[in-house]
């Protein structure tokens, strides 16, 4: 198992014992920098079955342990089911100085164009999906964004 840094993510390689594939898994750097306990658990679905690999990653991005699940049943894996956040209006950078938005909210807001899904925004920003979804919900409740389903 090895690691390689690429922008906001670190690629970690691990062998899946179910499908016998050597996987290159992208881990957002922010996942570990924001962690309070280690190792951090990161779950990845791959292949057609789909098998699932759970990686336990330490502070240095070393994989300390792996777990495997052969059968996973998901309601939907269709590409179009992820929400697509779209801005309600243009917000200038000064909004951060005025306290209307945090810097993190503003950076995510800039990535919301109605064309990228929250999943794609999460990957671009290098921020875990659950944090992007929560930030988008907050921006929707404050009328900065609206959510479109495609």
N, C-alpha and C. Protein backbone atom coordinates (compact mmCIF):
# COMPACT_ATOMS: atom_id res chain seq x y z
N UNK A 1 0.84 -1.17 0.00
CA UNK A 1 0.00 0.00 0.00
C UNK A 1 0.89 1.25 0.00
N UNK A 2 0.54 2.19 -0.88
CA UNK A 2 1.34 3.41 -0.97
C UNK A 2 0.41 4.62 -1.09
N UNK A 3 1.02 5.82 -0.97
CA UNK A 3 0.24 7.04 -1.10
C UNK A 3 0.95 7.99 -2.05
N UNK A 4 0.14 8.87 -2.68
CA UNK A 4 0.66 9.85 -3.62
C UNK A 4 -0.25 11.07 -3.56
N UNK A 5 0.31 12.27 -3.37
CA UNK A 5 -0.48 13.49 -3.23
C UNK A 5 -0.78 14.08 -4.60
N UNK A 6 -2.05 14.50 -4.81
CA UNK A 6 -2.47 15.17 -6.04
C UNK A 6 -3.48 16.24 -5.66
N UNK A 7 -3.03 17.50 -5.53
CA UNK A 7 -3.92 18.60 -5.18
C UNK A 7 -4.50 18.44 -3.79
N UNK A 8 -5.85 18.46 -3.70
CA UNK A 8 -6.55 18.37 -2.42
C UNK A 8 -6.79 16.94 -1.96
N UNK A 9 -6.28 15.97 -2.72
CA UNK A 9 -6.50 14.57 -2.37
C UNK A 9 -5.16 13.83 -2.30
N UNK A 10 -5.18 12.74 -1.62
CA UNK A 10 -4.02 11.85 -1.56
C UNK A 10 -4.51 10.52 -2.09
N UNK A 11 -3.81 9.96 -3.06
CA UNK A 11 -4.16 8.64 -3.59
C UNK A 11 -3.53 7.57 -2.72
N UNK A 12 -4.36 6.65 -2.28
CA UNK A 12 -3.93 5.54 -1.45
C UNK A 12 -4.20 4.27 -2.25
N UNK A 13 -3.25 3.38 -2.31
CA UNK A 13 -3.49 2.12 -3.02
C UNK A 13 -3.70 1.00 -2.01
N UNK A 14 -4.62 0.11 -2.35
CA UNK A 14 -4.92 -1.03 -1.49
C UNK A 14 -5.43 -2.17 -2.37
N UNK A 15 -5.18 -3.38 -1.93
CA UNK A 15 -5.61 -4.57 -2.66
C UNK A 15 -6.97 -5.02 -2.13
N UNK A 16 -7.95 -5.17 -3.04
CA UNK A 16 -9.26 -5.71 -2.67
C UNK A 16 -9.16 -7.23 -2.72
N UNK A 17 -9.41 -7.88 -1.59
CA UNK A 17 -9.30 -9.34 -1.51
C UNK A 17 -10.49 -10.04 -2.15
N UNK A 18 -11.57 -9.30 -2.44
CA UNK A 18 -12.75 -9.91 -3.06
C UNK A 18 -12.56 -10.02 -4.57
N UNK A 19 -12.25 -8.89 -5.22
CA UNK A 19 -12.13 -8.90 -6.68
C UNK A 19 -10.68 -8.99 -7.15
N UNK A 20 -9.75 -8.99 -6.20
CA UNK A 20 -8.31 -9.12 -6.47
C UNK A 20 -7.77 -7.96 -7.32
N UNK A 21 -8.36 -6.78 -7.18
CA UNK A 21 -7.89 -5.60 -7.90
C UNK A 21 -7.05 -4.73 -6.98
N UNK A 22 -6.02 -4.12 -7.54
CA UNK A 22 -5.24 -3.14 -6.82
C UNK A 22 -5.94 -1.79 -7.05
N UNK A 23 -6.47 -1.19 -6.00
CA UNK A 23 -7.29 0.02 -6.12
C UNK A 23 -6.49 1.26 -5.78
N UNK A 24 -6.70 2.31 -6.57
CA UNK A 24 -6.15 3.64 -6.25
C UNK A 24 -7.34 4.46 -5.75
N UNK A 25 -7.39 4.71 -4.46
CA UNK A 25 -8.52 5.39 -3.83
C UNK A 25 -8.11 6.82 -3.48
N UNK A 26 -8.93 7.80 -3.89
CA UNK A 26 -8.64 9.20 -3.58
C UNK A 26 -9.25 9.55 -2.23
N UNK A 27 -8.40 10.03 -1.31
CA UNK A 27 -8.83 10.43 0.02
C UNK A 27 -8.66 11.94 0.13
N UNK A 28 -9.73 12.71 0.38
CA UNK A 28 -9.57 14.15 0.56
C UNK A 28 -8.65 14.44 1.76
N UNK A 29 -7.68 15.31 1.56
CA UNK A 29 -6.74 15.65 2.63
C UNK A 29 -7.50 16.23 3.82
N UNK A 30 -8.57 16.97 3.55
CA UNK A 30 -9.35 17.58 4.63
C UNK A 30 -10.00 16.54 5.54
N UNK A 31 -10.20 15.33 5.03
CA UNK A 31 -10.78 14.26 5.86
C UNK A 31 -9.88 13.98 7.06
N UNK A 32 -8.57 13.98 6.84
CA UNK A 32 -7.64 13.70 7.93
C UNK A 32 -7.29 14.95 8.73
N UNK A 33 -7.19 16.09 8.05
CA UNK A 33 -6.82 17.31 8.79
C UNK A 33 -7.94 17.75 9.73
N UNK A 34 -9.18 17.39 9.42
CA UNK A 34 -10.30 17.75 10.30
C UNK A 34 -10.64 16.66 11.31
N UNK A 35 -9.96 15.53 11.23
CA UNK A 35 -10.24 14.40 12.13
C UNK A 35 -9.73 14.67 13.54
N UNK A 36 -10.49 14.18 14.52
CA UNK A 36 -10.07 14.31 15.92
C UNK A 36 -9.60 12.97 16.49
N UNK A 37 -9.96 11.87 15.81
CA UNK A 37 -9.55 10.53 16.27
C UNK A 37 -9.00 9.75 15.08
N UNK A 38 -8.02 8.91 15.36
CA UNK A 38 -7.41 8.10 14.32
C UNK A 38 -7.40 6.65 14.74
N UNK A 39 -7.41 5.72 13.81
CA UNK A 39 -7.45 5.93 12.37
C UNK A 39 -8.84 6.38 11.90
N UNK A 40 -8.86 7.05 10.74
CA UNK A 40 -10.09 7.52 10.13
C UNK A 40 -10.61 6.41 9.21
N UNK A 41 -11.90 6.18 9.26
CA UNK A 41 -12.53 5.15 8.43
C UNK A 41 -13.00 5.79 7.12
N UNK A 42 -12.62 5.19 5.99
CA UNK A 42 -13.04 5.67 4.68
C UNK A 42 -13.55 4.47 3.89
N UNK A 43 -14.80 4.54 3.43
CA UNK A 43 -15.45 3.42 2.76
C UNK A 43 -15.55 3.71 1.27
N UNK A 44 -15.21 2.71 0.44
CA UNK A 44 -15.21 2.90 -1.01
C UNK A 44 -15.87 1.71 -1.69
N UNK A 45 -16.80 2.01 -2.59
CA UNK A 45 -17.49 0.99 -3.38
C UNK A 45 -16.83 0.98 -4.76
N UNK A 46 -16.57 -0.20 -5.29
CA UNK A 46 -15.95 -0.31 -6.60
C UNK A 46 -16.42 -1.58 -7.29
N UNK A 47 -16.22 -1.65 -8.57
CA UNK A 47 -16.55 -2.84 -9.33
C UNK A 47 -18.03 -2.97 -9.64
N UNK A 48 -18.40 -4.10 -10.22
CA UNK A 48 -19.78 -4.33 -10.65
C UNK A 48 -20.65 -5.01 -9.61
N UNK A 49 -20.07 -5.72 -8.64
CA UNK A 49 -20.84 -6.54 -7.70
C UNK A 49 -21.80 -5.77 -6.82
N UNK A 50 -21.54 -4.69 -6.15
CA UNK A 50 -20.27 -4.01 -5.97
C UNK A 50 -19.61 -4.42 -4.67
N UNK A 51 -18.33 -4.82 -4.71
CA UNK A 51 -17.64 -5.02 -3.44
C UNK A 51 -17.32 -3.68 -2.80
N UNK A 52 -17.08 -3.70 -1.52
CA UNK A 52 -16.79 -2.49 -0.77
C UNK A 52 -15.55 -2.73 0.07
N UNK A 53 -14.67 -1.73 0.10
CA UNK A 53 -13.47 -1.81 0.93
C UNK A 53 -13.51 -0.65 1.93
N UNK A 54 -13.25 -0.98 3.18
CA UNK A 54 -13.15 0.04 4.23
C UNK A 54 -11.69 0.17 4.60
N UNK A 55 -11.18 1.39 4.48
CA UNK A 55 -9.79 1.67 4.81
C UNK A 55 -9.72 2.41 6.13
N UNK A 56 -8.81 2.02 6.98
CA UNK A 56 -8.56 2.72 8.23
C UNK A 56 -7.22 3.42 8.07
N UNK A 57 -7.24 4.77 8.04
CA UNK A 57 -6.08 5.55 7.65
C UNK A 57 -5.57 6.37 8.83
N UNK A 58 -4.24 6.34 9.05
CA UNK A 58 -3.66 7.11 10.15
C UNK A 58 -3.31 8.54 9.69
N UNK A 59 -2.72 9.33 10.58
CA UNK A 59 -2.39 10.74 10.30
C UNK A 59 -1.44 10.90 9.10
N UNK A 60 -0.60 9.92 8.87
CA UNK A 60 0.37 9.99 7.77
C UNK A 60 -0.16 9.37 6.47
N UNK A 61 -1.46 9.13 6.41
CA UNK A 61 -2.11 8.53 5.25
C UNK A 61 -1.66 7.09 5.00
N UNK A 62 -1.23 6.41 6.04
CA UNK A 62 -0.91 4.99 5.92
C UNK A 62 -2.17 4.19 6.22
N UNK A 63 -2.42 3.17 5.40
CA UNK A 63 -3.58 2.29 5.63
C UNK A 63 -3.17 1.30 6.72
N UNK A 64 -3.86 1.39 7.84
CA UNK A 64 -3.54 0.54 8.99
C UNK A 64 -4.31 -0.77 8.99
N UNK A 65 -5.50 -0.76 8.40
CA UNK A 65 -6.34 -1.96 8.39
C UNK A 65 -7.34 -1.84 7.25
N UNK A 66 -7.80 -2.96 6.75
CA UNK A 66 -8.86 -2.97 5.73
C UNK A 66 -9.93 -3.97 6.12
N UNK A 67 -11.14 -3.68 5.71
CA UNK A 67 -12.26 -4.62 5.86
C UNK A 67 -12.97 -4.69 4.51
N UNK A 68 -13.60 -5.81 4.24
CA UNK A 68 -14.25 -6.02 2.95
C UNK A 68 -15.68 -6.48 3.13
N UNK A 69 -16.55 -5.99 2.24
CA UNK A 69 -17.95 -6.42 2.21
C UNK A 69 -18.26 -6.80 0.77
N UNK A 70 -18.80 -7.99 0.59
CA UNK A 70 -19.05 -8.47 -0.78
C UNK A 70 -20.38 -7.99 -1.34
N UNK A 71 -21.42 -8.02 -0.53
CA UNK A 71 -22.76 -7.69 -1.04
C UNK A 71 -23.29 -6.42 -0.40
N UNK A 72 -23.48 -5.40 -1.23
CA UNK A 72 -24.04 -4.13 -0.77
C UNK A 72 -25.25 -3.84 -1.63
N UNK A 73 -26.32 -3.44 -0.99
CA UNK A 73 -27.53 -3.12 -1.72
C UNK A 73 -27.83 -1.63 -1.55
N UNK A 74 -27.81 -0.92 -2.64
CA UNK A 74 -28.05 0.52 -2.62
C UNK A 74 -29.33 0.82 -3.37
N UNK A 75 -30.03 1.85 -2.91
CA UNK A 75 -31.27 2.23 -3.58
C UNK A 75 -31.01 2.71 -4.99
N UNK A 76 -29.96 3.52 -5.16
CA UNK A 76 -29.68 4.06 -6.48
C UNK A 76 -28.22 4.42 -6.62
N UNK A 77 -27.65 4.06 -7.75
CA UNK A 77 -26.29 4.48 -8.09
C UNK A 77 -26.30 5.29 -9.38
N UNK A 78 -27.49 5.74 -9.81
CA UNK A 78 -27.59 6.49 -11.06
C UNK A 78 -26.91 7.84 -10.92
N UNK A 79 -26.23 8.25 -12.00
CA UNK A 79 -25.46 9.49 -11.96
C UNK A 79 -26.33 10.71 -11.73
N UNK A 80 -27.56 10.71 -12.18
CA UNK A 80 -28.40 11.89 -12.09
C UNK A 80 -29.16 12.05 -10.80
N UNK A 81 -28.93 11.24 -9.80
CA UNK A 81 -29.72 11.33 -8.58
C UNK A 81 -29.13 12.29 -7.55
N UNK A 82 -27.93 12.74 -7.76
CA UNK A 82 -27.29 13.66 -6.82
C UNK A 82 -27.84 15.07 -7.02
N UNK A 83 -28.07 15.82 -5.95
CA UNK A 83 -28.58 17.19 -6.09
C UNK A 83 -27.56 18.10 -6.77
N UNK A 84 -28.07 19.08 -7.51
CA UNK A 84 -27.25 20.05 -8.22
C UNK A 84 -27.53 21.43 -7.65
N UNK A 85 -26.67 21.95 -6.76
CA UNK A 85 -26.91 23.28 -6.19
C UNK A 85 -26.64 24.39 -7.20
N UNK A 86 -27.53 25.37 -7.20
CA UNK A 86 -27.42 26.49 -8.14
C UNK A 86 -27.58 27.80 -7.36
N UNK A 87 -26.74 28.80 -7.65
CA UNK A 87 -26.84 30.07 -6.92
C UNK A 87 -28.14 30.80 -7.21
N UNK A 88 -28.68 31.46 -6.19
CA UNK A 88 -29.87 32.29 -6.36
C UNK A 88 -29.49 33.65 -6.92
N UNK A 89 -28.26 34.09 -6.63
CA UNK A 89 -27.78 35.39 -7.07
C UNK A 89 -26.26 35.39 -7.00
N UNK A 90 -25.64 36.43 -7.49
CA UNK A 90 -24.19 36.58 -7.42
C UNK A 90 -23.83 37.14 -6.03
N UNK A 91 -22.81 36.56 -5.43
CA UNK A 91 -22.35 37.04 -4.13
C UNK A 91 -20.89 37.45 -4.27
N UNK A 92 -20.57 38.72 -3.99
CA UNK A 92 -19.16 39.16 -4.09
C UNK A 92 -18.34 38.67 -2.90
N UNK A 93 -17.02 38.66 -3.06
CA UNK A 93 -16.11 38.21 -2.01
C UNK A 93 -16.25 39.02 -0.72
N UNK A 94 -16.65 40.26 -0.85
CA UNK A 94 -16.78 41.11 0.33
C UNK A 94 -17.80 40.56 1.32
N UNK A 95 -18.68 39.66 0.85
CA UNK A 95 -19.67 39.03 1.73
C UNK A 95 -18.99 38.27 2.87
N UNK A 96 -17.77 37.75 2.62
CA UNK A 96 -17.02 37.05 3.66
C UNK A 96 -16.57 38.06 4.72
N UNK A 97 -16.03 39.20 4.27
CA UNK A 97 -15.58 40.26 5.19
C UNK A 97 -16.73 40.81 6.02
N UNK A 98 -17.92 40.84 5.41
CA UNK A 98 -19.10 41.37 6.10
C UNK A 98 -19.73 40.34 7.04
N UNK A 99 -19.24 39.11 7.01
CA UNK A 99 -19.76 38.07 7.90
C UNK A 99 -21.00 37.37 7.38
N UNK A 100 -21.35 37.59 6.12
CA UNK A 100 -22.53 36.93 5.55
C UNK A 100 -22.25 35.44 5.31
N UNK A 101 -21.01 35.13 4.95
CA UNK A 101 -20.58 33.76 4.66
C UNK A 101 -19.20 33.53 5.26
N UNK A 102 -18.92 32.28 5.61
CA UNK A 102 -17.55 31.93 5.99
C UNK A 102 -16.76 31.74 4.70
N UNK A 103 -15.45 31.69 4.81
CA UNK A 103 -14.61 31.49 3.64
C UNK A 103 -14.93 30.13 2.99
N UNK A 104 -15.11 29.10 3.81
CA UNK A 104 -15.44 27.76 3.30
C UNK A 104 -16.77 27.78 2.53
N UNK A 105 -17.78 28.45 3.10
CA UNK A 105 -19.07 28.55 2.42
C UNK A 105 -18.93 29.27 1.09
N UNK A 106 -18.13 30.33 1.07
CA UNK A 106 -17.94 31.10 -0.15
C UNK A 106 -17.26 30.26 -1.23
N UNK A 107 -16.20 29.52 -0.84
CA UNK A 107 -15.49 28.68 -1.81
C UNK A 107 -16.42 27.61 -2.40
N UNK A 108 -17.26 27.02 -1.54
CA UNK A 108 -18.22 26.02 -2.06
C UNK A 108 -19.26 26.69 -2.93
N UNK A 109 -19.71 27.88 -2.52
CA UNK A 109 -20.70 28.63 -3.30
C UNK A 109 -20.18 28.88 -4.72
N UNK A 110 -18.89 29.21 -4.84
CA UNK A 110 -18.29 29.47 -6.15
C UNK A 110 -18.33 28.24 -7.06
N UNK A 111 -18.31 27.04 -6.48
CA UNK A 111 -18.33 25.80 -7.26
C UNK A 111 -19.75 25.39 -7.66
N UNK A 112 -20.75 26.01 -7.05
CA UNK A 112 -22.15 25.66 -7.33
C UNK A 112 -22.62 26.44 -8.55
N UNK A 113 -22.73 25.74 -9.67
CA UNK A 113 -23.15 26.40 -10.91
C UNK A 113 -24.42 25.78 -11.51
N UNK A 114 -25.00 24.81 -10.81
CA UNK A 114 -26.19 24.15 -11.33
C UNK A 114 -25.86 23.02 -12.28
N UNK A 115 -24.59 22.91 -12.68
CA UNK A 115 -24.16 21.86 -13.60
C UNK A 115 -23.41 20.75 -12.87
N UNK A 116 -22.75 21.10 -11.76
CA UNK A 116 -21.99 20.12 -10.98
C UNK A 116 -22.84 19.61 -9.82
N UNK A 117 -22.81 18.31 -9.59
CA UNK A 117 -23.54 17.71 -8.47
C UNK A 117 -22.76 17.94 -7.19
N UNK A 118 -23.41 17.71 -6.04
CA UNK A 118 -22.70 17.85 -4.77
C UNK A 118 -21.53 16.86 -4.68
N UNK A 119 -21.68 15.70 -5.32
CA UNK A 119 -20.60 14.72 -5.34
C UNK A 119 -19.39 15.27 -6.10
N UNK A 120 -19.64 15.88 -7.26
CA UNK A 120 -18.56 16.46 -8.05
C UNK A 120 -17.92 17.65 -7.32
N UNK A 121 -18.74 18.46 -6.66
CA UNK A 121 -18.24 19.60 -5.89
C UNK A 121 -17.36 19.12 -4.75
N UNK A 122 -17.77 18.04 -4.10
CA UNK A 122 -16.99 17.46 -3.01
C UNK A 122 -15.60 17.05 -3.50
N UNK A 123 -15.54 16.41 -4.65
CA UNK A 123 -14.25 15.98 -5.20
C UNK A 123 -13.39 17.18 -5.60
N UNK A 124 -14.00 18.17 -6.26
CA UNK A 124 -13.24 19.37 -6.68
C UNK A 124 -12.68 20.12 -5.49
N UNK A 125 -13.47 20.25 -4.43
CA UNK A 125 -13.07 21.02 -3.26
C UNK A 125 -12.18 20.23 -2.31
N UNK A 126 -12.19 18.90 -2.45
CA UNK A 126 -11.42 18.07 -1.52
C UNK A 126 -12.01 18.07 -0.13
N UNK A 127 -13.35 18.20 -0.07
CA UNK A 127 -14.07 18.23 1.20
C UNK A 127 -15.01 17.02 1.23
N UNK A 128 -15.11 16.33 2.36
CA UNK A 128 -16.00 15.16 2.43
C UNK A 128 -17.43 15.50 2.01
N UNK A 129 -18.07 14.56 1.34
CA UNK A 129 -19.41 14.76 0.79
C UNK A 129 -20.41 15.21 1.85
N UNK A 130 -20.38 14.62 3.03
CA UNK A 130 -21.36 14.99 4.06
C UNK A 130 -21.21 16.46 4.47
N UNK A 131 -19.98 16.98 4.48
CA UNK A 131 -19.77 18.39 4.81
C UNK A 131 -20.27 19.31 3.70
N UNK A 132 -20.09 18.89 2.45
CA UNK A 132 -20.59 19.68 1.32
C UNK A 132 -22.12 19.70 1.34
N UNK A 133 -22.74 18.55 1.60
CA UNK A 133 -24.20 18.48 1.66
C UNK A 133 -24.74 19.37 2.78
N UNK A 134 -24.11 19.33 3.95
CA UNK A 134 -24.56 20.15 5.08
C UNK A 134 -24.40 21.64 4.77
N UNK A 135 -23.27 22.03 4.20
CA UNK A 135 -23.04 23.43 3.85
C UNK A 135 -24.06 23.89 2.81
N UNK A 136 -24.35 23.05 1.83
CA UNK A 136 -25.36 23.40 0.81
C UNK A 136 -26.74 23.57 1.46
N UNK A 137 -27.09 22.68 2.41
CA UNK A 137 -28.38 22.82 3.10
C UNK A 137 -28.45 24.15 3.83
N UNK A 138 -27.35 24.54 4.48
CA UNK A 138 -27.32 25.81 5.19
C UNK A 138 -27.46 26.99 4.22
N UNK A 139 -26.79 26.90 3.08
CA UNK A 139 -26.88 27.98 2.09
C UNK A 139 -28.26 28.04 1.44
N UNK A 140 -28.92 26.91 1.32
CA UNK A 140 -30.30 26.89 0.81
C UNK A 140 -31.23 27.55 1.83
N UNK A 141 -31.07 27.21 3.10
CA UNK A 141 -31.94 27.78 4.13
C UNK A 141 -31.75 29.29 4.26
N UNK A 142 -30.57 29.78 3.90
CA UNK A 142 -30.29 31.22 3.95
C UNK A 142 -30.54 31.90 2.59
N UNK A 143 -31.13 31.16 1.64
CA UNK A 143 -31.54 31.67 0.33
C UNK A 143 -30.37 32.10 -0.57
N UNK A 144 -29.20 31.48 -0.37
CA UNK A 144 -28.08 31.73 -1.27
C UNK A 144 -28.07 30.75 -2.43
N UNK A 145 -28.58 29.52 -2.19
CA UNK A 145 -28.62 28.47 -3.20
C UNK A 145 -30.02 27.90 -3.33
N UNK A 146 -30.27 27.25 -4.44
CA UNK A 146 -31.45 26.40 -4.59
C UNK A 146 -30.95 25.07 -5.14
N UNK A 147 -31.69 24.02 -4.87
CA UNK A 147 -31.28 22.68 -5.27
C UNK A 147 -32.15 22.21 -6.43
N UNK A 148 -31.48 21.69 -7.45
CA UNK A 148 -32.17 21.13 -8.60
C UNK A 148 -31.83 19.65 -8.69
N UNK A 149 -32.81 18.83 -8.97
CA UNK A 149 -32.59 17.41 -9.20
C UNK A 149 -32.61 17.19 -10.70
N UNK A 150 -31.63 16.45 -11.21
CA UNK A 150 -31.56 16.19 -12.67
C UNK A 150 -31.64 14.72 -12.94
